[in-house]
C-alpha atoms as a PDB file:
ATOM      1  CA  MET A   1     138.541  58.898  66.552  1.00  0.00           C
ATOM      2  CA  THR A   2     137.869  59.806  62.729  1.00  0.00           C
ATOM      3  CA  GLY A   3     134.018  59.310  63.136  1.00  0.00           C
ATOM      4  CA  SER A   4     134.262  61.473  66.423  1.00  0.00           C
ATOM      5  CA  ASN A   5     136.208  64.295  64.648  1.00  0.00           C
ATOM      6  CA  VAL A   6     133.819  64.342  61.631  1.00  0.00           C
ATOM      7  CA  VAL A   7     130.831  64.607  64.075  1.00  0.00           C
ATOM      8  CA  THR A   8     132.513  67.355  66.011  1.00  0.00           C
ATOM      9  CA  LYS A   9     133.198  69.323  62.733  1.00  0.00           C
ATOM     10  CA  TRP A  10     129.611  68.898  61.502  1.00  0.00           C
ATOM     11  CA  GLN A  11     128.382  69.984  64.968  1.00  0.00           C
ATOM     12  CA  LYS A  12     130.529  73.223  64.693  1.00  0.00           C
ATOM     13  CA  LEU A  13     129.250  74.050  61.319  1.00  0.00           C
ATOM     14  CA  GLN A  14     125.764  73.518  62.658  1.00  0.00           C
ATOM     15  CA  LEU A  15     126.289  75.763  65.489  1.00  0.00           C
ATOM     16  CA  PHE A  16     127.755  78.439  63.286  1.00  0.00           C
ATOM     17  CA  TYR A  17     124.896  78.327  60.765  1.00  0.00           C
ATOM     18  CA  GLN A  18     122.504  78.476  63.989  1.00  0.00           C
ATOM     19  CA  GLY A  19     124.327  81.613  64.895  1.00  0.00           C
ATOM     20  CA  ILE A  20     123.976  83.198  61.651  1.00  0.00           C
ATOM     21  CA  LEU A  21     120.240  82.448  61.818  1.00  0.00           C
ATOM     22  CA  GLU A  22     119.600  83.619  65.570  1.00  0.00           C
ATOM     23  CA  ASN A  23     121.922  86.461  66.064  1.00  0.00           C
ATOM     24  CA  GLY A  24     120.421  88.813  63.573  1.00  0.00           C
ATOM     25  CA  ASP A  25     117.883  91.861  64.069  1.00  0.00           C
ATOM     26  CA  LYS A  26     114.895  90.094  65.460  1.00  0.00           C
ATOM     27  CA  ARG A  27     112.688  92.884  63.681  1.00  0.00           C
ATOM     28  CA  THR A  28     113.585  91.652  60.302  1.00  0.00           C
ATOM     29  CA  ASP A  29     113.651  87.792  60.851  1.00  0.00           C
ATOM     30  CA  ASN A  30     110.166  87.426  59.346  1.00  0.00           C
ATOM     31  CA  TRP A  31     110.728  89.531  56.406  1.00  0.00           C
ATOM     32  CA  LEU A  32     111.037  88.110  52.752  1.00  0.00           C
ATOM     33  CA  LEU A  33     114.571  86.647  52.080  1.00  0.00           C
ATOM     34  CA  VAL A  34     116.022  87.822  55.252  1.00  0.00           C
ATOM     35  CA  TYR A  35     115.966  85.095  57.848  1.00  0.00           C
ATOM     36  CA  SER A  36     118.345  82.628  56.147  1.00  0.00           C
ATOM     37  CA  PRO A  37     120.977  83.074  53.582  1.00  0.00           C
ATOM     38  CA  VAL A  38     119.807  79.884  51.739  1.00  0.00           C
ATOM     39  CA  PRO A  39     117.107  81.743  49.621  1.00  0.00           C
ATOM     40  CA  ILE A  40     119.505  84.388  48.559  1.00  0.00           C
ATOM     41  CA  THR A  41     122.211  81.905  47.741  1.00  0.00           C
ATOM     42  CA  CYS A  42     119.934  80.011  45.502  1.00  0.00           C
ATOM     43  CA  ILE A  43     119.057  83.084  43.717  1.00  0.00           C
ATOM     44  CA  PHE A  44     122.752  83.806  43.215  1.00  0.00           C
ATOM     45  CA  LEU A  45     123.234  80.310  41.949  1.00  0.00           C
ATOM     46  CA  CYS A  46     120.480  80.616  39.464  1.00  0.00           C
ATOM     47  CA  TYR A  47     121.647  83.835  38.391  1.00  0.00           C
ATOM     48  CA  LEU A  48     125.122  82.192  37.415  1.00  0.00           C
ATOM     49  CA  ILE A  49     123.476  79.415  35.803  1.00  0.00           C
ATOM     50  CA  THR A  50     121.220  81.849  33.674  1.00  0.00           C
ATOM     51  CA  ILE A  51     124.445  83.732  32.611  1.00  0.00           C
ATOM     52  CA  TRP A  52     126.149  80.507  31.696  1.00  0.00           C
ATOM     53  CA  ALA A  53     123.282  78.739  29.863  1.00  0.00           C
ATOM     54  CA  GLY A  54     121.384  81.812  28.558  1.00  0.00           C
ATOM     55  CA  PRO A  55     123.657  82.957  25.944  1.00  0.00           C
ATOM     56  CA  LYS A  56     124.046  79.267  24.546  1.00  0.00           C
ATOM     57  CA  LEU A  57     120.126  78.999  24.438  1.00  0.00           C
ATOM     58  CA  MET A  58     119.791  82.164  22.497  1.00  0.00           C
ATOM     59  CA  ALA A  59     122.909  81.442  20.121  1.00  0.00           C
ATOM     60  CA  ASN A  60     120.743  80.457  17.231  1.00  0.00           C
ATOM     61  CA  ARG A  61     117.731  82.644  17.998  1.00  0.00           C
ATOM     62  CA  ARG A  62     116.750  86.180  16.979  1.00  0.00           C
ATOM     63  CA  PRO A  63     117.123  88.890  19.669  1.00  0.00           C
ATOM     64  CA  VAL A  64     113.718  89.572  21.354  1.00  0.00           C
ATOM     65  CA  ASN A  65     112.331  93.111  21.029  1.00  0.00           C
ATOM     66  CA  LEU A  66     111.773  94.352  24.718  1.00  0.00           C
ATOM     67  CA  LYS A  67     111.659  98.076  23.992  1.00  0.00           C
ATOM     68  CA  PRO A  68     108.204  98.572  25.810  1.00  0.00           C
ATOM     69  CA  VAL A  69     109.137  96.281  28.731  1.00  0.00           C
ATOM     70  CA  LEU A  70     112.570  98.158  29.095  1.00  0.00           C
ATOM     71  CA  VAL A  71     110.876 101.567  28.972  1.00  0.00           C
ATOM     72  CA  VAL A  72     108.308 100.503  31.840  1.00  0.00           C
ATOM     73  CA  TYR A  73     111.061  98.716  33.724  1.00  0.00           C
ATOM     74  CA  ASN A  74     113.547 101.689  33.816  1.00  0.00           C
ATOM     75  CA  PHE A  75     110.950 104.408  34.582  1.00  0.00           C
ATOM     76  CA  ALA A  76     109.474 101.973  37.325  1.00  0.00           C
ATOM     77  CA  MET A  77     113.017 101.742  38.910  1.00  0.00           C
ATOM     78  CA  VAL A  78     113.290 105.553  38.742  1.00  0.00           C
ATOM     79  CA  CYS A  79     110.118 105.849  40.882  1.00  0.00           C
ATOM     80  CA  LEU A  80     111.329 103.122  43.349  1.00  0.00           C
ATOM     81  CA  SER A  81     114.772 104.789  43.681  1.00  0.00           C
ATOM     82  CA  ALA A  82     113.133 108.235  44.302  1.00  0.00           C
ATOM     83  CA  TYR A  83     110.790 106.704  46.983  1.00  0.00           C
ATOM     84  CA  MET A  84     113.805 104.818  48.647  1.00  0.00           C
ATOM     85  CA  PHE A  85     115.881 108.178  48.580  1.00  0.00           C
ATOM     86  CA  TYR A  86     112.814 110.074  50.106  1.00  0.00           C
ATOM     87  CA  GLU A  87     112.482 107.419  52.771  1.00  0.00           C
ATOM     88  CA  PHE A  88     116.163 107.311  53.643  1.00  0.00           C
ATOM     89  CA  THR A  89     116.216 111.003  53.708  1.00  0.00           C
ATOM     90  CA  ALA A  90     113.113 111.714  55.838  1.00  0.00           C
ATOM     91  CA  SER A  91     113.825 108.649  58.236  1.00  0.00           C
ATOM     92  CA  SER A  92     117.253 109.767  59.024  1.00  0.00           C
ATOM     93  CA  TRP A  93     116.313 113.492  59.337  1.00  0.00           C
ATOM     94  CA  LEU A  94     113.408 112.826  61.555  1.00  0.00           C
ATOM     95  CA  ALA A  95     115.491 110.373  63.875  1.00  0.00           C
ATOM     96  CA  GLY A  96     118.054 112.922  64.218  1.00  0.00           C
ATOM     97  CA  TYR A  97     120.968 110.821  62.303  1.00  0.00           C
ATOM     98  CA  SER A  98     124.384 111.733  62.499  1.00  0.00           C
ATOM     99  CA  LEU A  99     126.529 111.740  59.226  1.00  0.00           C
ATOM    100  CA  LEU A 100     129.704 110.882  60.960  1.00  0.00           C
ATOM    101  CA  CYS A 101     128.540 108.145  63.552  1.00  0.00           C
ATOM    102  CA  GLN A 102     125.161 106.446  63.877  1.00  0.00           C
ATOM    103  CA  PRO A 103     124.535 103.259  65.818  1.00  0.00           C
ATOM    104  CA  VAL A 104     121.720 100.921  64.774  1.00  0.00           C
ATOM    105  CA  ASP A 105     118.306 101.484  66.807  1.00  0.00           C
ATOM    106  CA  TYR A 106     117.231  97.876  67.338  1.00  0.00           C
ATOM    107  CA  SER A 107     114.060  99.149  69.141  1.00  0.00           C
ATOM    108  CA  ASN A 108     110.518  99.022  67.873  1.00  0.00           C
ATOM    109  CA  ASN A 109     110.415 102.628  67.664  1.00  0.00           C
ATOM    110  CA  PRO A 110     108.215 103.845  64.543  1.00  0.00           C
ATOM    111  CA  LEU A 111     111.168 105.681  63.035  1.00  0.00           C
ATOM    112  CA  ALA A 112     113.593 102.735  63.809  1.00  0.00           C
ATOM    113  CA  LEU A 113     111.231 100.354  62.113  1.00  0.00           C
ATOM    114  CA  ARG A 114     110.620 102.843  59.192  1.00  0.00           C
ATOM    115  CA  MET A 115     114.485 103.121  58.474  1.00  0.00           C
ATOM    116  CA  ALA A 116     114.822  99.151  58.787  1.00  0.00           C
ATOM    117  CA  ARG A 117     111.878  98.729  56.274  1.00  0.00           C
ATOM    118  CA  VAL A 118     113.503 101.056  53.649  1.00  0.00           C
ATOM    119  CA  CYS A 119     116.766  98.945  54.074  1.00  0.00           C
ATOM    120  CA  TRP A 120     114.719  96.023  53.058  1.00  0.00           C
ATOM    121  CA  TRP A 121     113.173  97.816  50.024  1.00  0.00           C
ATOM    122  CA  PHE A 122     116.643  98.673  48.961  1.00  0.00           C
ATOM    123  CA  TYR A 123     117.869  95.055  49.448  1.00  0.00           C
ATOM    124  CA  PHE A 124     114.718  93.848  47.498  1.00  0.00           C
ATOM    125  CA  SER A 125     115.470  96.080  44.736  1.00  0.00           C
ATOM    126  CA  LYS A 126     118.808  94.737  44.156  1.00  0.00           C
ATOM    127  CA  VAL A 127     117.450  91.273  44.229  1.00  0.00           C
ATOM    128  CA  ILE A 128     114.841  92.408  41.399  1.00  0.00           C
ATOM    129  CA  CYS A 129     117.858  93.806  39.472  1.00  0.00           C
ATOM    130  CA  VAL A 130     119.667  90.570  39.638  1.00  0.00           C
ATOM    131  CA  CYS A 131     116.757  88.454  38.441  1.00  0.00           C
ATOM    132  CA  VAL A 132     115.644  90.761  35.695  1.00  0.00           C
ATOM    133  CA  LEU A 133     118.603  92.512  34.065  1.00  0.00           C
ATOM    134  CA  GLN A 134     120.416  89.245  32.964  1.00  0.00           C
ATOM    135  CA  ILE A 135     117.358  88.136  31.338  1.00  0.00           C
ATOM    136  CA  PHE A 136     116.980  91.310  29.446  1.00  0.00           C
ATOM    137  CA  PHE A 137     120.649  91.184  28.217  1.00  0.00           C
ATOM    138  CA  ILE A 138     120.320  87.532  27.227  1.00  0.00           C
ATOM    139  CA  LEU A 139     117.066  87.807  25.265  1.00  0.00           C
ATOM    140  CA  ARG A 140     118.244  90.750  23.574  1.00  0.00           C
ATOM    141  CA  LYS A 141     121.457  89.042  23.010  1.00  0.00           C
ATOM    142  CA  LYS A 142     123.399  91.992  24.569  1.00  0.00           C
ATOM    143  CA  ASN A 143     126.086  89.355  25.882  1.00  0.00           C
ATOM    144  CA  SER A 144     128.975  91.980  25.815  1.00  0.00           C
ATOM    145  CA  GLN A 145     127.185  93.734  28.927  1.00  0.00           C
ATOM    146  CA  LEU A 146     127.463  90.653  30.899  1.00  0.00           C
ATOM    147  CA  THR A 147     131.098  91.875  31.975  1.00  0.00           C
ATOM    148  CA  PHE A 148     132.913  90.752  35.105  1.00  0.00           C
ATOM    149  CA  LEU A 149     132.206  94.198  36.379  1.00  0.00           C
ATOM    150  CA  HIS A 150     128.488  93.753  35.947  1.00  0.00           C
ATOM    151  CA  VAL A 151     128.345  90.206  37.318  1.00  0.00           C
ATOM    152  CA  TYR A 152     130.638  91.042  40.417  1.00  0.00           C
ATOM    153  CA  HIS A 153     128.706  94.218  41.278  1.00  0.00           C
ATOM    154  CA  HIS A 154     125.187  92.897  41.276  1.00  0.00           C
ATOM    155  CA  ALA A 155     125.982  89.304  42.575  1.00  0.00           C
ATOM    156  CA  THR A 156     128.045  90.576  45.585  1.00  0.00           C
ATOM    157  CA  MET A 157     125.675  93.448  46.320  1.00  0.00           C
ATOM    158  CA  ILE A 158     122.722  91.110  47.281  1.00  0.00           C
ATOM    159  CA  PHE A 159     124.836  89.356  49.812  1.00  0.00           C
ATOM    160  CA  ASN A 160     126.125  92.764  51.199  1.00  0.00           C
ATOM    161  CA  TRP A 161     122.648  93.972  51.568  1.00  0.00           C
ATOM    162  CA  TRP A 162     121.317  90.567  52.891  1.00  0.00           C
ATOM    163  CA  THR A 163     123.898  91.150  55.709  1.00  0.00           C
ATOM    164  CA  GLY A 164     122.918  94.642  56.117  1.00  0.00           C
ATOM    165  CA  VAL A 165     119.243  94.016  56.658  1.00  0.00           C
ATOM    166  CA  LYS A 166     119.814  90.809  58.688  1.00  0.00           C
ATOM    167  CA  TYR A 167     122.273  92.342  61.197  1.00  0.00           C
ATOM    168  CA  VAL A 168     122.456  96.206  60.786  1.00  0.00           C
ATOM    169  CA  ALA A 169     119.067  97.476  59.184  1.00  0.00           C
ATOM    170  CA  GLY A 170     119.644 101.073  59.965  1.00  0.00           C
ATOM    171  CA  GLY A 171     122.592 103.017  61.570  1.00  0.00           C
ATOM    172  CA  GLN A 172     125.180 103.925  59.406  1.00  0.00           C
ATOM    173  CA  SER A 173     123.750 101.663  56.460  1.00  0.00           C
ATOM    174  CA  PHE A 174     121.307 104.579  55.698  1.00  0.00           C
ATOM    175  CA  LEU A 175     123.995 106.599  53.989  1.00  0.00           C
ATOM    176  CA  ILE A 176     125.021 104.002  51.559  1.00  0.00           C
ATOM    177  CA  GLY A 177     121.392 103.513  50.572  1.00  0.00           C
ATOM    178  CA  LEU A 178     120.707 107.260  50.410  1.00  0.00           C
ATOM    179  CA  ILE A 179     123.480 107.981  48.075  1.00  0.00           C
ATOM    180  CA  ASN A 180     123.066 104.996  45.878  1.00  0.00           C
ATOM    181  CA  SER A 181     119.280 105.645  45.661  1.00  0.00           C
ATOM    182  CA  LEU A 182     120.157 109.131  44.367  1.00  0.00           C
ATOM    183  CA  VAL A 183     122.637 107.788  41.832  1.00  0.00           C
ATOM    184  CA  HIS A 184     120.005 105.418  40.817  1.00  0.00           C
ATOM    185  CA  ILE A 185     117.408 107.751  39.968  1.00  0.00           C
ATOM    186  CA  VAL A 186     120.008 109.281  37.474  1.00  0.00           C
ATOM    187  CA  MET A 187     121.206 105.928  36.227  1.00  0.00           C
ATOM    188  CA  TYR A 188     117.673 104.522  35.482  1.00  0.00           C
ATOM    189  CA  LEU A 189     116.384 107.728  33.872  1.00  0.00           C
ATOM    190  CA  TYR A 190     119.429 107.590  31.412  1.00  0.00           C
ATOM    191  CA  TYR A 191     118.409 104.005  30.546  1.00  0.00           C
ATOM    192  CA  GLY A 192     114.945 104.715  30.640  1.00  0.00           C
ATOM    193  CA  LEU A 193     115.450 107.562  28.063  1.00  0.00           C
ATOM    194  CA  ALA A 194     117.815 105.512  26.001  1.00  0.00           C
ATOM    195  CA  ALA A 195     115.336 102.650  25.683  1.00  0.00           C
ATOM    196  CA  LEU A 196     112.921 105.092  23.887  1.00  0.00           C
ATOM    197  CA  GLY A 197     114.888 104.697  20.924  1.00  0.00           C
ATOM    198  CA  PRO A 198     117.903 106.133  18.882  1.00  0.00           C
ATOM    199  CA  HIS A 199     116.396 109.394  18.266  1.00  0.00           C
ATOM    200  CA  MET A 200     117.071 110.136  22.125  1.00  0.00           C
ATOM    201  CA  ASN A 201     120.862 109.745  21.610  1.00  0.00           C
ATOM    202  CA  LYS A 202     121.398 113.423  21.075  1.00  0.00           C
ATOM    203  CA  TYR A 203     120.044 114.035  24.696  1.00  0.00           C
ATOM    204  CA  LEU A 204     122.300 111.355  26.289  1.00  0.00           C
ATOM    205  CA  TRP A 205     125.647 113.012  26.025  1.00  0.00           C
ATOM    206  CA  TRP A 206     126.017 112.827  29.750  1.00  0.00           C
ATOM    207  CA  LYS A 207     126.881 109.031  30.209  1.00  0.00           C
ATOM    208  CA  GLN A 208     130.428 109.754  30.947  1.00  0.00           C
ATOM    209  CA  TYR A 209     129.234 112.032  33.832  1.00  0.00           C
ATOM    210  CA  LEU A 210     126.923 109.166  35.035  1.00  0.00           C
ATOM    211  CA  THR A 211     129.955 107.012  35.572  1.00  0.00           C
ATOM    212  CA  SER A 212     131.739 109.770  37.209  1.00  0.00           C
ATOM    213  CA  LEU A 213     128.895 110.080  39.704  1.00  0.00           C
ATOM    214  CA  GLN A 214     128.873 106.481  40.250  1.00  0.00           C
ATOM    215  CA  LEU A 215     132.724 106.727  41.193  1.00  0.00           C
ATOM    216  CA  LEU A 216     132.023 109.933  43.313  1.00  0.00           C
ATOM    217  CA  GLN A 217     129.657 107.664  45.602  1.00  0.00           C
ATOM    218  CA  PHE A 218     132.120 104.839  46.041  1.00  0.00           C
ATOM    219  CA  PHE A 219     134.725 107.519  47.187  1.00  0.00           C
ATOM    220  CA  VAL A 220     132.356 109.000  49.434  1.00  0.00           C
ATOM    221  CA  VAL A 221     131.502 105.678  51.008  1.00  0.00           C
ATOM    222  CA  THR A 222     135.134 104.890  51.227  1.00  0.00           C
ATOM    223  CA  MET A 223     136.067 107.790  53.120  1.00  0.00           C
ATOM    224  CA  HIS A 224     133.210 107.663  55.497  1.00  0.00           C
ATOM    225  CA  THR A 225     133.614 104.142  56.212  1.00  0.00           C
ATOM    226  CA  ALA A 226     137.603 104.529  56.844  1.00  0.00           C
ATOM    227  CA  TYR A 227     136.694 107.145  59.107  1.00  0.00           C
ATOM    228  CA  ASN A 228     134.205 105.297  61.339  1.00  0.00           C
ATOM    229  CA  LEU A 229     136.839 102.293  61.611  1.00  0.00           C
ATOM    230  CA  HIS A 230     139.067 104.590  63.513  1.00  0.00           C
ATOM    231  CA  ALA A 231     136.239 106.408  65.283  1.00  0.00           C
ATOM    232  CA  ASP A 232     134.702 105.364  68.514  1.00  0.00           C
ATOM    233  CA  CYS A 233     131.239 104.655  67.314  1.00  0.00           C
ATOM    234  CA  ASP A 234     128.837 101.867  68.296  1.00  0.00           C
ATOM    235  CA  PHE A 235     128.681 100.224  64.839  1.00  0.00           C
ATOM    236  CA  PRO A 236     130.248  96.795  64.017  1.00  0.00           C
ATOM    237  CA  ASP A 237     133.823  97.247  62.773  1.00  0.00           C
ATOM    238  CA  SER A 238     133.279  94.145  60.735  1.00  0.00           C
ATOM    239  CA  MET A 239     130.752  95.642  58.826  1.00  0.00           C
ATOM    240  CA  ASN A 240     132.729  98.722  58.225  1.00  0.00           C
ATOM    241  CA  ALA A 241     135.623  96.608  56.968  1.00  0.00           C
ATOM    242  CA  VAL A 242     133.515  94.788  54.530  1.00  0.00           C
ATOM    243  CA  VAL A 243     131.928  97.840  53.211  1.00  0.00           C
ATOM    244  CA  LEU A 244     135.391  99.433  52.797  1.00  0.00           C
ATOM    245  CA  ALA A 245     137.117  96.564  51.132  1.00  0.00           C
ATOM    246  CA  TYR A 246     133.997  96.289  48.792  1.00  0.00           C
ATOM    247  CA  SER A 247     133.892  99.795  48.041  1.00  0.00           C
ATOM    248  CA  LEU A 248     137.665 100.017  47.155  1.00  0.00           C
ATOM    249  CA  SER A 249     137.167  96.901  44.812  1.00  0.00           C
ATOM    250  CA  LEU A 250     134.401  98.917  43.036  1.00  0.00           C
ATOM    251  CA  ILE A 251     136.598 102.041  42.794  1.00  0.00           C
ATOM    252  CA  VAL A 252     139.211  99.878  40.886  1.00  0.00           C
ATOM    253  CA  LEU A 253     136.876  98.125  38.606  1.00  0.00           C
ATOM    254  CA  PHE A 254     134.825 101.447  37.721  1.00  0.00           C
ATOM    255  CA  SER A 255     137.952 103.390  37.201  1.00  0.00           C
ATOM    256  CA  ASN A 256     139.085 100.639  34.809  1.00  0.00           C
ATOM    257  CA  PHE A 257     135.704 100.917  32.884  1.00  0.00           C
ATOM    258  CA  TYR A 258     135.836 104.777  32.927  1.00  0.00           C
ATOM    259  CA  TYR A 259     139.372 104.495  31.380  1.00  0.00           C
ATOM    260  CA  GLN A 260     138.525 101.908  28.759  1.00  0.00           C
ATOM    261  CA  SER A 261     135.200 103.587  27.944  1.00  0.00           C
ATOM    262  CA  TYR A 262     136.047 107.316  27.633  1.00  0.00           C
ATOM    263  CA  LEU A 263     139.718 107.966  28.004  1.00  0.00           C
ATOM    264  CA  THR A 264     141.173 105.267  25.559  1.00  0.00           C
ATOM    265  CA  LYS A 265     138.427 106.157  23.028  1.00  0.00           C
ATOM    266  CA  LYS A 266     139.193 109.877  23.147  1.00  0.00           C
ATOM    267  CA  THR A 267     142.865 109.105  22.656  1.00  0.00           C
ATOM    268  CA  LYS A 268     142.225 106.894  19.739  1.00  0.00           C
ATOM    269  CA  SER A 269     139.848 109.507  18.236  1.00  0.00           C
ATOM    270  CA  LYS A 270     142.681 112.198  18.338  1.00  0.00           C
ATOM    271  CA  GLU A 271     145.184 109.803  16.793  1.00  0.00           C
END
């Protein structure tokens, strides 16, 4: 009886995993890092191991000067973010997308495929960030930047967008990508200018407003998703619920970062 129960549970687990693989968007199955959750899970585990082991390996070593690499990386990400912002905007505009309710077009229509591809590019850019940024931090011994907010935001984002490309590559997903791409243009521009050297600091007085812009995007996504949970829209409520919970968690974490980084410092400077 016990063996029978174990086999039954194992079979259920196999069926569940098979459902994950086979019930997605057939158009994106053959795309890199999409068909199975195993590769992205391995990347996530490597990310955690690197964060844990990296600072230990660098403890008795000097920081590595990565200034040229950082400049190239950040301005390359500005260009990639600008490309994705253009593609999200052009694809949704040409396809007549609605800002309030937009189901996913699973057809092989050229505009539908164009939207699916830019969703994949957005997902892939997140994977690049996860693979590269923590290496930069560790090599430069900037371990203070590996905060809970940073790790949580980047590690969970790759799973969210894997799910998006796997099951809903298009539809209302476009709005999150469009807004986030715009924010990333500004964000990577800031870090690209900062990487040029201390002489740029006098031009970077607007970091606080960058954080405000990040918070604004989370509020917009939260309100949009909350609306669609109550609207009669042919877009999975499960996806909307996940996005809503996630955006609320980011509002809490980024609000705390804003308070600790700007408001607390202002209060202390006045005292």
